[in-house]
Each structure stands twice: as structure tokens, then as C-alpha cells.
């Protein structure tokens, strides 16, 4: 009976997060340079009558909101996976350098091959996966230890950060696009970006949900996992590849947006527990809500001037990171 009650509680929390996501969706479509009402948004979504409101919703706000939601899902799932795989509460694709690897590859494409932007997502994946493997190699010594992961991640992130700075210095005439990419902004994001990130979101979510039981076992430690017959290194590599793919797809459309993968999984875990069968969908839904709400705030706080959502996430995430570091 307690198990049934516990599962009902977790499903209820996921539904609350889903409600928060819907609130974020409508607020993101309501507020902007031209404020609309909820009825205006609903009419624009369901009616085919062409007017200014429908043009604003379908051409500007709706695709941007969907991109924000998908980015939140991908980064939250990536952070949840990395925290489980590395058994490190501070693991986040931005903090430990995986996003930096994808960002370096993405900026390399933007600066050197601007006419081939369709290469952004695969290039970012290669960069993220390379960073993840490098961190894993540097942190490995008779197993993975949380402190070594953070130190290796900081070193790798600094390395790729230096590479990004060098690219910008030697290509100063193309810096503007790279700066926008580095700050993590959703301005001008539209349907092509939805088409870019959506397949990765669907594939990554399905893959990680099918493997959620293995992630629960992996969190128990290598010795326990091996005792249960799991090939630990192969399983860890598969999860790392999924996390890198999710983070890279987000980086390819929004740039270097940090702290989503740190704040969201921790918040969800404190409320819903550590069972990844429930934690993963809870983190995905909450991550979507957080990025949509933060993006709405970012474009409204200094209206009509818009700041990148990455700045808002950094303001929220830095104190949260210090809190976790202090508690650890």
C-alpha cells in the first residue's frame, strides 16, 4: 500500500510540474514587445483566421517557446544522467565541460564554416562526446570519484574556453555571432531550430527511459552493479553518449546555456526521490518549465531590451552551485 501511495505521489508531482510547464508555455506566448491575452493566444492557436496576433504567435513566439521547452528537457535530462553515471551531485553538462566541448565545436563551425550551419548539431555532439571521454579518462583512478570529476571538468572546460577565445581573437570580424552563441540566447529562434532539436529530444528521452533501471543500478556503485551482472563501463559509456547527445543538441540551437542540468535534477530529486523511472520524466518536464519561464523573464525585465536567458540562468545557478558545494 505504501508503495502504491508513493508511486501516486510521484505521478502527482510530475503532473504538478506539467502544470507549471503549461503556465510557462502560455506566459511565454503572452508577454513580449506586444502583450497578448490568454484568449488571444488560444484563438491564434486553434483558429485559422489570419491576423496580427496569429502572425506573432506562429512566426515568433510559438517556435521560440517550443525551442526553449525542448532545450530545457535536453539539458535537464543530460544533467540527471551525468549525476547518476558519475555519482556526483555537482555534475552538469555546463560545469564539467561537456557543453564547453560542444560549444567549441559549434563556434568552430560558426566562424570557419558559417555557410554550413546544418553541421552545428553533429559537430557539437562530437565536441561534447570528446570532452566527456577526456573528463572520464582524467578522472579515472581505480574508479570514478566525484571530486576528480569536478576537477577534471574544470580543467577541460578551461581548455575549451581557451580554444573559444583563440578562435574569437583570430576571427574578430565574426565575433558577434559567437558572442550570442556563448551567452545562451533564444532570440530569433524559430521553426528551423525546432526541426533541429526535436528528433534528438525524442530519441534521447526514449533511450534513457528504456534504460532507467540500469541507471538506478549504476548509482548503487560499480561493485554492486558488477555483482548484478552489469557491464559497468559499457553501460556508463552508453549513458554518457546519450547525455552528450542531449547537451550537444541544446548547445547547437541555443549556445552555452548553463546550470539547467544542475538546478533542475536536484530540485526534482529533493521532491520526488532518486528512482530514475520517475526522476527522469520529472526533470524533463520541470526543465522545460524553468527555461520557458526564465526566457520570458529575460525578455521582459528590461523591455524592450532583451537579455539572453543564459544570464538569468547564471544568476540563479551560481548561488545554487555554491550552496551544493558548501553542503557537500
C-alpha atoms as a PDB file:
ATOM      1  CA  UNK A   1       0.000   0.000   0.000  1.00  0.00           C
ATOM      2  CA  UNK A   2       2.836   2.387   0.877  1.00  0.00           C
ATOM      3  CA  UNK A   3       4.469   1.633  -2.476  1.00  0.00           C
ATOM      4  CA  UNK A   4       1.228   2.447  -4.294  1.00  0.00           C
ATOM      5  CA  UNK A   5       0.874   5.660  -2.312  1.00  0.00           C
ATOM      6  CA  UNK A   6       4.496   6.568  -3.039  1.00  0.00           C
ATOM      7  CA  UNK A   7       4.070   5.993  -6.779  1.00  0.00           C
ATOM      8  CA  UNK A   8       0.828   8.011  -6.762  1.00  0.00           C
ATOM      9  CA  UNK A   9       2.662  10.833  -5.007  1.00  0.00           C
ATOM     10  CA  UNK A  10       5.427  10.814  -7.629  1.00  0.00           C
ATOM     11  CA  UNK A  11       2.954  10.815 -10.508  1.00  0.00           C
ATOM     12  CA  UNK A  12       1.116  13.686  -8.810  1.00  0.00           C
ATOM     13  CA  UNK A  13       4.357  15.688  -8.582  1.00  0.00           C
ATOM     14  CA  UNK A  14       5.049  15.078 -12.272  1.00  0.00           C
ATOM     15  CA  UNK A  15       1.547  16.367 -13.064  1.00  0.00           C
ATOM     16  CA  UNK A  16       2.231  19.494 -10.991  1.00  0.00           C
ATOM     17  CA  UNK A  17       5.462  20.040 -12.937  1.00  0.00           C
ATOM     18  CA  UNK A  18       3.461  19.553 -16.157  1.00  0.00           C
ATOM     19  CA  UNK A  19       1.017  22.232 -14.999  1.00  0.00           C
ATOM     20  CA  UNK A  20       3.958  24.553 -14.322  1.00  0.00           C
ATOM     21  CA  UNK A  21       5.206  23.800 -17.837  1.00  0.00           C
ATOM     22  CA  UNK A  22       1.812  24.774 -19.296  1.00  0.00           C
ATOM     23  CA  UNK A  23       1.883  28.008 -17.294  1.00  0.00           C
ATOM     24  CA  UNK A  24       5.351  28.714 -18.693  1.00  0.00           C
ATOM     25  CA  UNK A  25       4.108  27.953 -22.204  1.00  0.00           C
ATOM     26  CA  UNK A  26       1.247  30.450 -22.015  1.00  0.00           C
ATOM     27  CA  UNK A  27       3.287  33.161 -20.284  1.00  0.00           C
ATOM     28  CA  UNK A  28       5.970  32.845 -22.942  1.00  0.00           C
ATOM     29  CA  UNK A  29       3.363  33.368 -25.661  1.00  0.00           C
ATOM     30  CA  UNK A  30       1.535  36.162 -23.838  1.00  0.00           C
ATOM     31  CA  UNK A  31       4.386  38.510 -22.959  1.00  0.00           C
ATOM     32  CA  UNK A  32       6.735  40.271 -25.345  1.00  0.00           C
ATOM     33  CA  UNK A  33       7.079  43.529 -27.259  1.00  0.00           C
ATOM     34  CA  UNK A  34       3.320  43.279 -27.825  1.00  0.00           C
ATOM     35  CA  UNK A  35       1.417  41.768 -24.892  1.00  0.00           C
ATOM     36  CA  UNK A  36      -1.481  39.448 -25.659  1.00  0.00           C
ATOM     37  CA  UNK A  37      -4.221  37.923 -23.537  1.00  0.00           C
ATOM     38  CA  UNK A  38      -4.710  34.212 -22.928  1.00  0.00           C
ATOM     39  CA  UNK A  39      -7.777  34.294 -25.163  1.00  0.00           C
ATOM     40  CA  UNK A  40      -5.707  35.911 -27.938  1.00  0.00           C
ATOM     41  CA  UNK A  41      -3.140  33.114 -27.666  1.00  0.00           C
ATOM     42  CA  UNK A  42      -5.754  30.341 -27.635  1.00  0.00           C
ATOM     43  CA  UNK A  43      -7.639  31.837 -30.598  1.00  0.00           C
ATOM     44  CA  UNK A  44      -4.404  32.202 -32.547  1.00  0.00           C
ATOM     45  CA  UNK A  45      -3.503  28.575 -31.861  1.00  0.00           C
ATOM     46  CA  UNK A  46      -6.841  26.998 -32.801  1.00  0.00           C
ATOM     47  CA  UNK A  47      -8.289  29.388 -35.412  1.00  0.00           C
ATOM     48  CA  UNK A  48      -7.041  29.652 -38.969  1.00  0.00           C
ATOM     49  CA  UNK A  49      -8.128  33.278 -39.386  1.00  0.00           C
ATOM     50  CA  UNK A  50      -5.074  35.329 -40.335  1.00  0.00           C
ATOM     51  CA  UNK A  51      -4.433  38.449 -38.244  1.00  0.00           C
ATOM     52  CA  UNK A  52      -1.547  40.201 -36.489  1.00  0.00           C
ATOM     53  CA  UNK A  53      -1.890  38.128 -33.336  1.00  0.00           C
ATOM     54  CA  UNK A  54      -1.729  34.856 -35.270  1.00  0.00           C
ATOM     55  CA  UNK A  55       1.338  36.048 -37.186  1.00  0.00           C
ATOM     56  CA  UNK A  56       3.119  36.980 -33.953  1.00  0.00           C
ATOM     57  CA  UNK A  57       2.234  33.683 -32.268  1.00  0.00           C
ATOM     58  CA  UNK A  58       3.012  31.297 -35.138  1.00  0.00           C
ATOM     59  CA  UNK A  59       6.044  33.059 -36.603  1.00  0.00           C
ATOM     60  CA  UNK A  60       7.790  34.330 -33.472  1.00  0.00           C
ATOM     61  CA  UNK A  61       6.563  33.257 -30.048  1.00  0.00           C
ATOM     62  CA  UNK A  62       5.351  29.688 -30.515  1.00  0.00           C
ATOM     63  CA  UNK A  63       8.525  28.317 -32.145  1.00  0.00           C
ATOM     64  CA  UNK A  64      10.700  30.190 -29.650  1.00  0.00           C
ATOM     65  CA  UNK A  65       8.682  28.762 -26.766  1.00  0.00           C
ATOM     66  CA  UNK A  66       8.932  25.233 -28.170  1.00  0.00           C
ATOM     67  CA  UNK A  67      12.710  25.594 -28.611  1.00  0.00           C
ATOM     68  CA  UNK A  68      13.001  26.829 -25.005  1.00  0.00           C
ATOM     69  CA  UNK A  69      10.984  23.850 -23.769  1.00  0.00           C
ATOM     70  CA  UNK A  70      12.993  21.316 -25.759  1.00  0.00           C
ATOM     71  CA  UNK A  71      16.302  22.847 -24.657  1.00  0.00           C
ATOM     72  CA  UNK A  72      15.135  22.633 -21.039  1.00  0.00           C
ATOM     73  CA  UNK A  73      14.196  18.965 -21.472  1.00  0.00           C
ATOM     74  CA  UNK A  74      17.520  18.061 -23.063  1.00  0.00           C
ATOM     75  CA  UNK A  75      19.731  19.875 -20.563  1.00  0.00           C
ATOM     76  CA  UNK A  76      17.757  18.620 -17.552  1.00  0.00           C
ATOM     77  CA  UNK A  77      17.914  15.018 -18.782  1.00  0.00           C
ATOM     78  CA  UNK A  78      21.614  15.376 -19.554  1.00  0.00           C
ATOM     79  CA  UNK A  79      22.305  16.666 -16.051  1.00  0.00           C
ATOM     80  CA  UNK A  80      20.226  13.911 -14.435  1.00  0.00           C
ATOM     81  CA  UNK A  81      22.087  11.241 -16.401  1.00  0.00           C
ATOM     82  CA  UNK A  82      25.533  12.672 -15.619  1.00  0.00           C
ATOM     83  CA  UNK A  83      24.786  12.992 -11.903  1.00  0.00           C
ATOM     84  CA  UNK A  84      23.735   9.348 -11.863  1.00  0.00           C
ATOM     85  CA  UNK A  85      26.531   7.973 -14.035  1.00  0.00           C
ATOM     86  CA  UNK A  86      29.307   9.885 -12.269  1.00  0.00           C
ATOM     87  CA  UNK A  87      27.642   9.651  -8.839  1.00  0.00           C
ATOM     88  CA  UNK A  88      28.371  13.342  -8.467  1.00  0.00           C
ATOM     89  CA  UNK A  89      25.704  15.805  -7.264  1.00  0.00           C
ATOM     90  CA  UNK A  90      27.590  18.671  -8.933  1.00  0.00           C
ATOM     91  CA  UNK A  91      27.729  17.069 -12.381  1.00  0.00           C
ATOM     92  CA  UNK A  92      26.176  19.268 -15.049  1.00  0.00           C
ATOM     93  CA  UNK A  93      26.986  19.464 -18.775  1.00  0.00           C
ATOM     94  CA  UNK A  94      27.976  23.110 -18.335  1.00  0.00           C
ATOM     95  CA  UNK A  95      30.004  22.803 -15.152  1.00  0.00           C
ATOM     96  CA  UNK A  96      32.058  19.704 -16.010  1.00  0.00           C
ATOM     97  CA  UNK A  97      32.932  20.848 -19.520  1.00  0.00           C
ATOM     98  CA  UNK A  98      30.708  18.759 -21.795  1.00  0.00           C
ATOM     99  CA  UNK A  99      28.830  21.830 -23.039  1.00  0.00           C
ATOM    100  CA  UNK A 100      32.158  23.634 -23.464  1.00  0.00           C
ATOM    101  CA  UNK A 101      33.329  20.885 -25.806  1.00  0.00           C
ATOM    102  CA  UNK A 102      30.133  21.161 -27.812  1.00  0.00           C
ATOM    103  CA  UNK A 103      30.383  24.955 -27.717  1.00  0.00           C
ATOM    104  CA  UNK A 104      33.929  24.907 -29.059  1.00  0.00           C
ATOM    105  CA  UNK A 105      32.908  22.672 -31.954  1.00  0.00           C
ATOM    106  CA  UNK A 106      29.821  24.820 -32.584  1.00  0.00           C
ATOM    107  CA  UNK A 107      31.771  28.089 -32.634  1.00  0.00           C
ATOM    108  CA  UNK A 108      34.343  26.433 -34.885  1.00  0.00           C
ATOM    109  CA  UNK A 109      31.549  25.777 -37.389  1.00  0.00           C
ATOM    110  CA  UNK A 110      30.037  29.269 -36.951  1.00  0.00           C
ATOM    111  CA  UNK A 111      33.344  31.045 -37.514  1.00  0.00           C
ATOM    112  CA  UNK A 112      35.089  28.867 -40.082  1.00  0.00           C
ATOM    113  CA  UNK A 113      32.094  27.381 -41.930  1.00  0.00           C
ATOM    114  CA  UNK A 114      29.199  29.836 -41.448  1.00  0.00           C
ATOM    115  CA  UNK A 115      27.503  28.623 -44.627  1.00  0.00           C
ATOM    116  CA  UNK A 116      27.223  25.075 -43.221  1.00  0.00           C
ATOM    117  CA  UNK A 117      25.141  25.643 -40.095  1.00  0.00           C
ATOM    118  CA  UNK A 118      23.436  22.287 -40.582  1.00  0.00           C
ATOM    119  CA  UNK A 119      26.693  20.850 -39.233  1.00  0.00           C
ATOM    120  CA  UNK A 120      26.188  22.553 -35.856  1.00  0.00           C
ATOM    121  CA  UNK A 121      24.375  19.671 -34.144  1.00  0.00           C
ATOM    122  CA  UNK A 122      26.688  16.828 -35.270  1.00  0.00           C
ATOM    123  CA  UNK A 123      29.788  18.959 -34.649  1.00  0.00           C
ATOM    124  CA  UNK A 124      28.561  19.869 -31.167  1.00  0.00           C
ATOM    125  CA  UNK A 125      27.919  16.187 -30.427  1.00  0.00           C
ATOM    126  CA  UNK A 126      31.445  15.237 -31.470  1.00  0.00           C
ATOM    127  CA  UNK A 127      32.866  18.038 -29.311  1.00  0.00           C
ATOM    128  CA  UNK A 128      30.690  17.118 -26.318  1.00  0.00           C
ATOM    129  CA  UNK A 129      31.500  13.422 -26.583  1.00  0.00           C
ATOM    130  CA  UNK A 130      35.221  14.154 -26.877  1.00  0.00           C
ATOM    131  CA  UNK A 131      35.018  16.345 -23.761  1.00  0.00           C
ATOM    132  CA  UNK A 132      33.101  13.637 -21.863  1.00  0.00           C
ATOM    133  CA  UNK A 133      35.644  10.942 -22.750  1.00  0.00           C
ATOM    134  CA  UNK A 134      38.534  13.250 -21.844  1.00  0.00           C
ATOM    135  CA  UNK A 135      36.955  14.023 -18.446  1.00  0.00           C
ATOM    136  CA  UNK A 136      36.343  10.335 -17.859  1.00  0.00           C
ATOM    137  CA  UNK A 137      39.975   9.467 -18.653  1.00  0.00           C
ATOM    138  CA  UNK A 138      41.366  12.247 -16.455  1.00  0.00           C
ATOM    139  CA  UNK A 139      39.043  11.418 -13.541  1.00  0.00           C
ATOM    140  CA  UNK A 140      39.558   7.642 -13.631  1.00  0.00           C
ATOM    141  CA  UNK A 141      41.818   6.147 -10.998  1.00  0.00           C
ATOM    142  CA  UNK A 142      40.577   2.863  -9.575  1.00  0.00           C
ATOM    143  CA  UNK A 143      37.078   4.096 -10.267  1.00  0.00           C
ATOM    144  CA  UNK A 144      35.263   7.425 -10.602  1.00  0.00           C
ATOM    145  CA  UNK A 145      35.404   9.821  -7.662  1.00  0.00           C
ATOM    146  CA  UNK A 146      33.155  12.943  -7.501  1.00  0.00           C
ATOM    147  CA  UNK A 147      35.976  15.347  -6.644  1.00  0.00           C
ATOM    148  CA  UNK A 148      38.143  14.158  -9.508  1.00  0.00           C
ATOM    149  CA  UNK A 149      35.240  14.552 -11.935  1.00  0.00           C
ATOM    150  CA  UNK A 150      34.762  18.192 -10.950  1.00  0.00           C
ATOM    151  CA  UNK A 151      38.490  18.971 -11.117  1.00  0.00           C
ATOM    152  CA  UNK A 152      38.865  17.226 -14.469  1.00  0.00           C
ATOM    153  CA  UNK A 153      35.748  19.007 -15.739  1.00  0.00           C
ATOM    154  CA  UNK A 154      37.071  22.411 -14.704  1.00  0.00           C
ATOM    155  CA  UNK A 155      40.358  21.697 -16.477  1.00  0.00           C
ATOM    156  CA  UNK A 156      38.636  20.512 -19.663  1.00  0.00           C
ATOM    157  CA  UNK A 157      36.207  23.437 -19.594  1.00  0.00           C
ATOM    158  CA  UNK A 158      39.120  25.865 -19.236  1.00  0.00           C
ATOM    159  CA  UNK A 159      40.903  24.177 -22.137  1.00  0.00           C
ATOM    160  CA  UNK A 160      37.926  24.538 -24.466  1.00  0.00           C
ATOM    161  CA  UNK A 161      37.287  28.054 -23.162  1.00  0.00           C
ATOM    162  CA  UNK A 162      40.817  28.997 -24.182  1.00  0.00           C
ATOM    163  CA  UNK A 163      40.181  27.485 -27.607  1.00  0.00           C
ATOM    164  CA  UNK A 164      36.999  29.535 -27.980  1.00  0.00           C
ATOM    165  CA  UNK A 165      38.841  32.724 -27.003  1.00  0.00           C
ATOM    166  CA  UNK A 166      41.602  31.972 -29.511  1.00  0.00           C
ATOM    167  CA  UNK A 167      39.064  31.425 -32.295  1.00  0.00           C
ATOM    168  CA  UNK A 168      37.384  34.741 -31.485  1.00  0.00           C
ATOM    169  CA  UNK A 169      40.672  36.649 -31.363  1.00  0.00           C
ATOM    170  CA  UNK A 170      41.826  35.346 -34.721  1.00  0.00           C
ATOM    171  CA  UNK A 171      38.390  35.872 -36.290  1.00  0.00           C
ATOM    172  CA  UNK A 172      37.395  39.205 -34.736  1.00  0.00           C
ATOM    173  CA  UNK A 173      35.197  40.148 -37.707  1.00  0.00           C
ATOM    174  CA  UNK A 174      32.872  37.232 -36.894  1.00  0.00           C
ATOM    175  CA  UNK A 175      32.745  37.684 -33.139  1.00  0.00           C
ATOM    176  CA  UNK A 176      29.149  38.930 -32.849  1.00  0.00           C
ATOM    177  CA  UNK A 177      27.546  35.613 -33.761  1.00  0.00           C
ATOM    178  CA  UNK A 178      29.964  33.772 -31.478  1.00  0.00           C
ATOM    179  CA  UNK A 179      29.203  36.091 -28.540  1.00  0.00           C
ATOM    180  CA  UNK A 180      25.484  35.466 -28.941  1.00  0.00           C
ATOM    181  CA  UNK A 181      26.196  31.746 -29.052  1.00  0.00           C
ATOM    182  CA  UNK A 182      28.324  31.885 -25.879  1.00  0.00           C
ATOM    183  CA  UNK A 183      25.731  33.781 -23.833  1.00  0.00           C
ATOM    184  CA  UNK A 184      22.917  31.277 -24.457  1.00  0.00           C
ATOM    185  CA  UNK A 185      20.111  33.259 -26.053  1.00  0.00           C
ATOM    186  CA  UNK A 186      16.826  32.307 -27.709  1.00  0.00           C
ATOM    187  CA  UNK A 187      16.383  35.472 -29.750  1.00  0.00           C
ATOM    188  CA  UNK A 188      15.431  34.811 -33.409  1.00  0.00           C
ATOM    189  CA  UNK A 189      14.993  31.077 -32.743  1.00  0.00           C
ATOM    190  CA  UNK A 190      12.218  29.731 -34.948  1.00  0.00           C
ATOM    191  CA  UNK A 191      10.890  26.631 -36.694  1.00  0.00           C
ATOM    192  CA  UNK A 192      14.211  25.527 -38.248  1.00  0.00           C
ATOM    193  CA  UNK A 193      15.661  25.237 -34.713  1.00  0.00           C
ATOM    194  CA  UNK A 194      12.590  23.235 -33.632  1.00  0.00           C
ATOM    195  CA  UNK A 195      13.237  20.835 -36.516  1.00  0.00           C
ATOM    196  CA  UNK A 196      16.906  20.589 -35.477  1.00  0.00           C
ATOM    197  CA  UNK A 197      16.452  19.740 -31.810  1.00  0.00           C
ATOM    198  CA  UNK A 198      13.154  17.800 -31.750  1.00  0.00           C
ATOM    199  CA  UNK A 199      14.484  14.458 -33.116  1.00  0.00           C
ATOM    200  CA  UNK A 200      17.301  14.459 -30.538  1.00  0.00           C
ATOM    201  CA  UNK A 201      14.837  15.187 -27.727  1.00  0.00           C
ATOM    202  CA  UNK A 202      12.519  12.350 -28.723  1.00  0.00           C
ATOM    203  CA  UNK A 203      15.307   9.823 -29.326  1.00  0.00           C
ATOM    204  CA  UNK A 204      17.205  10.772 -26.160  1.00  0.00           C
ATOM    205  CA  UNK A 205      14.123  10.663 -23.930  1.00  0.00           C
ATOM    206  CA  UNK A 206      13.004   7.263 -25.239  1.00  0.00           C
ATOM    207  CA  UNK A 207      16.506   5.808 -24.944  1.00  0.00           C
ATOM    208  CA  UNK A 208      17.086   6.972 -21.385  1.00  0.00           C
ATOM    209  CA  UNK A 209      13.626   5.901 -20.185  1.00  0.00           C
ATOM    210  CA  UNK A 210      14.207   2.404 -21.579  1.00  0.00           C
ATOM    211  CA  UNK A 211      17.489   2.297 -19.640  1.00  0.00           C
ATOM    212  CA  UNK A 212      16.244   3.927 -16.419  1.00  0.00           C
ATOM    213  CA  UNK A 213      16.528   0.669 -14.404  1.00  0.00           C
ATOM    214  CA  UNK A 214      20.185   0.351 -15.393  1.00  0.00           C
ATOM    215  CA  UNK A 215      20.799   3.909 -14.225  1.00  0.00           C
ATOM    216  CA  UNK A 216      19.248   3.036 -10.857  1.00  0.00           C
ATOM    217  CA  UNK A 217      21.641   0.089 -10.571  1.00  0.00           C
ATOM    218  CA  UNK A 218      24.653   2.146 -11.687  1.00  0.00           C
ATOM    219  CA  UNK A 219      24.006   4.692  -8.923  1.00  0.00           C
ATOM    220  CA  UNK A 220      24.479   1.919  -6.327  1.00  0.00           C
ATOM    221  CA  UNK A 221      28.168   1.674  -7.212  1.00  0.00           C
ATOM    222  CA  UNK A 222      30.389  -0.302  -9.550  1.00  0.00           C
ATOM    223  CA  UNK A 223      30.792  -3.309  -7.258  1.00  0.00           C
ATOM    224  CA  UNK A 224      27.049  -3.755  -6.784  1.00  0.00           C
ATOM    225  CA  UNK A 225      26.391  -3.244 -10.498  1.00  0.00           C
ATOM    226  CA  UNK A 226      29.036  -5.828 -11.443  1.00  0.00           C
ATOM    227  CA  UNK A 227      27.604  -8.222  -8.880  1.00  0.00           C
ATOM    228  CA  UNK A 228      24.238  -7.929 -10.641  1.00  0.00           C
ATOM    229  CA  UNK A 229      25.867  -8.860 -13.945  1.00  0.00           C
ATOM    230  CA  UNK A 230      26.121  -5.403 -15.498  1.00  0.00           C
ATOM    231  CA  UNK A 231      28.968  -4.438 -17.814  1.00  0.00           C
ATOM    232  CA  UNK A 232      29.625  -1.186 -15.944  1.00  0.00           C
ATOM    233  CA  UNK A 233      31.990   0.555 -18.349  1.00  0.00           C
ATOM    234  CA  UNK A 234      29.900  -0.184 -21.433  1.00  0.00           C
ATOM    235  CA  UNK A 235      26.724   0.961 -19.691  1.00  0.00           C
ATOM    236  CA  UNK A 236      28.402   4.114 -18.395  1.00  0.00           C
ATOM    237  CA  UNK A 237      29.680   4.891 -21.901  1.00  0.00           C
ATOM    238  CA  UNK A 238      26.177   4.479 -23.372  1.00  0.00           C
ATOM    239  CA  UNK A 239      24.672   6.849 -20.810  1.00  0.00           C
ATOM    240  CA  UNK A 240      27.477   9.343 -21.347  1.00  0.00           C
ATOM    241  CA  UNK A 241      26.842   9.257 -25.101  1.00  0.00           C
ATOM    242  CA  UNK A 242      23.116   9.937 -24.558  1.00  0.00           C
ATOM    243  CA  UNK A 243      23.917  12.795 -22.146  1.00  0.00           C
ATOM    244  CA  UNK A 244      26.414  14.271 -24.609  1.00  0.00           C
ATOM    245  CA  UNK A 245      23.914  13.986 -27.469  1.00  0.00           C
ATOM    246  CA  UNK A 246      21.211  15.757 -25.468  1.00  0.00           C
ATOM    247  CA  UNK A 247      23.564  18.517 -24.323  1.00  0.00           C
ATOM    248  CA  UNK A 248      25.051  18.952 -27.799  1.00  0.00           C
ATOM    249  CA  UNK A 249      21.647  19.288 -29.471  1.00  0.00           C
ATOM    250  CA  UNK A 250      20.742  22.010 -26.953  1.00  0.00           C
ATOM    251  CA  UNK A 251      24.071  23.773 -27.491  1.00  0.00           C
ATOM    252  CA  UNK A 252      23.601  23.666 -31.258  1.00  0.00           C
ATOM    253  CA  UNK A 253      20.394  25.747 -31.121  1.00  0.00           C
ATOM    254  CA  UNK A 254      20.786  27.971 -28.057  1.00  0.00           C
ATOM    255  CA  UNK A 255      24.516  28.147 -27.355  1.00  0.00           C
ATOM    256  CA  UNK A 256      26.161  27.764 -23.952  1.00  0.00           C
ATOM    257  CA  UNK A 257      23.213  27.750 -21.552  1.00  0.00           C
ATOM    258  CA  UNK A 258      24.444  26.645 -18.142  1.00  0.00           C
ATOM    259  CA  UNK A 259      23.063  25.455 -14.800  1.00  0.00           C
ATOM    260  CA  UNK A 260      19.804  23.947 -16.114  1.00  0.00           C
ATOM    261  CA  UNK A 261      21.273  20.473 -15.716  1.00  0.00           C
ATOM    262  CA  UNK A 262      22.352  21.309 -12.174  1.00  0.00           C
ATOM    263  CA  UNK A 263      19.327  23.104 -10.706  1.00  0.00           C
ATOM    264  CA  UNK A 264      16.513  21.057 -12.214  1.00  0.00           C
ATOM    265  CA  UNK A 265      17.624  17.472 -11.346  1.00  0.00           C
ATOM    266  CA  UNK A 266      18.436  18.498  -7.769  1.00  0.00           C
ATOM    267  CA  UNK A 267      15.101  20.216  -7.300  1.00  0.00           C
ATOM    268  CA  UNK A 268      13.220  17.257  -8.762  1.00  0.00           C
ATOM    269  CA  UNK A 269      15.235  14.761  -6.725  1.00  0.00           C
ATOM    270  CA  UNK A 270      14.526  16.563  -3.452  1.00  0.00           C
ATOM    271  CA  UNK A 271      10.798  16.421  -4.185  1.00  0.00           C
ATOM    272  CA  UNK A 272      10.299  13.128  -5.993  1.00  0.00           C
ATOM    273  CA  UNK A 273      13.207  10.941  -4.855  1.00  0.00           C
ATOM    274  CA  UNK A 274      16.045   9.155  -6.662  1.00  0.00           C
ATOM    275  CA  UNK A 275      14.144   6.495  -8.627  1.00  0.00           C
ATOM    276  CA  UNK A 276      15.067   7.403 -12.204  1.00  0.00           C
ATOM    277  CA  UNK A 277      11.860   5.886 -13.551  1.00  0.00           C
ATOM    278  CA  UNK A 278      10.146   8.963 -12.108  1.00  0.00           C
ATOM    279  CA  UNK A 279      13.082  11.351 -11.731  1.00  0.00           C
ATOM    280  CA  UNK A 280      13.868  11.455 -15.453  1.00  0.00           C
ATOM    281  CA  UNK A 281      10.373  12.497 -16.662  1.00  0.00           C
ATOM    282  CA  UNK A 282      10.026  14.864 -13.683  1.00  0.00           C
ATOM    283  CA  UNK A 283      13.336  16.540 -14.552  1.00  0.00           C
ATOM    284  CA  UNK A 284      12.373  16.773 -18.226  1.00  0.00           C
ATOM    285  CA  UNK A 285       9.054  18.484 -17.532  1.00  0.00           C
ATOM    286  CA  UNK A 286      10.483  20.787 -14.861  1.00  0.00           C
ATOM    287  CA  UNK A 287      13.454  21.669 -17.075  1.00  0.00           C
ATOM    288  CA  UNK A 288      11.095  22.670 -19.865  1.00  0.00           C
ATOM    289  CA  UNK A 289       9.118  24.886 -17.474  1.00  0.00           C
ATOM    290  CA  UNK A 290      12.225  26.529 -15.998  1.00  0.00           C
ATOM    291  CA  UNK A 291      13.756  27.536 -19.338  1.00  0.00           C
ATOM    292  CA  UNK A 292      10.447  28.849 -20.710  1.00  0.00           C
ATOM    293  CA  UNK A 293       9.817  30.914 -17.574  1.00  0.00           C
ATOM    294  CA  UNK A 294      13.384  32.228 -17.427  1.00  0.00           C
ATOM    295  CA  UNK A 295      13.307  33.169 -21.111  1.00  0.00           C
ATOM    296  CA  UNK A 296      10.052  35.078 -20.574  1.00  0.00           C
ATOM    297  CA  UNK A 297      11.623  36.898 -17.616  1.00  0.00           C
ATOM    298  CA  UNK A 298      14.789  37.621 -19.622  1.00  0.00           C
ATOM    299  CA  UNK A 299      12.904  39.390 -22.380  1.00  0.00           C
ATOM    300  CA  UNK A 300      10.586  41.283 -20.035  1.00  0.00           C
ATOM    301  CA  UNK A 301      12.837  42.576 -17.244  1.00  0.00           C
ATOM    302  CA  UNK A 302      14.412  45.341 -19.376  1.00  0.00           C
ATOM    303  CA  UNK A 303      11.707  45.508 -22.034  1.00  0.00           C
ATOM    304  CA  UNK A 304      12.126  46.474 -24.879  1.00  0.00           C
ATOM    305  CA  UNK A 305      15.792  45.441 -24.458  1.00  0.00           C
ATOM    306  CA  UNK A 306      16.164  41.666 -24.295  1.00  0.00           C
ATOM    307  CA  UNK A 307      18.900  39.878 -22.375  1.00  0.00           C
ATOM    308  CA  UNK A 308      19.971  36.293 -23.110  1.00  0.00           C
ATOM    309  CA  UNK A 309      18.303  33.628 -20.983  1.00  0.00           C
ATOM    310  CA  UNK A 310      21.785  32.327 -20.147  1.00  0.00           C
ATOM    311  CA  UNK A 311      22.374  35.403 -17.968  1.00  0.00           C
ATOM    312  CA  UNK A 312      19.219  34.723 -15.948  1.00  0.00           C
ATOM    313  CA  UNK A 313      20.182  31.054 -15.513  1.00  0.00           C
ATOM    314  CA  UNK A 314      23.676  32.064 -14.361  1.00  0.00           C
ATOM    315  CA  UNK A 315      22.202  34.443 -11.751  1.00  0.00           C
ATOM    316  CA  UNK A 316      20.031  31.594 -10.450  1.00  0.00           C
ATOM    317  CA  UNK A 317      22.566  28.830 -10.870  1.00  0.00           C
ATOM    318  CA  UNK A 318      25.730  30.292  -9.353  1.00  0.00           C
ATOM    319  CA  UNK A 319      24.314  30.636  -5.797  1.00  0.00           C
ATOM    320  CA  UNK A 320      22.704  27.192  -6.143  1.00  0.00           C
ATOM    321  CA  UNK A 321      26.055  25.675  -7.132  1.00  0.00           C
ATOM    322  CA  UNK A 322      27.803  27.341  -4.187  1.00  0.00           C
ATOM    323  CA  UNK A 323      25.081  26.060  -1.853  1.00  0.00           C
ATOM    324  CA  UNK A 324      25.567  22.485  -3.082  1.00  0.00           C
ATOM    325  CA  UNK A 325      29.346  22.824  -2.891  1.00  0.00           C
ATOM    326  CA  UNK A 326      29.146  24.158   0.660  1.00  0.00           C
ATOM    327  CA  UNK A 327      26.750  21.412   1.721  1.00  0.00           C
ATOM    328  CA  UNK A 328      28.946  18.723   0.158  1.00  0.00           C
END
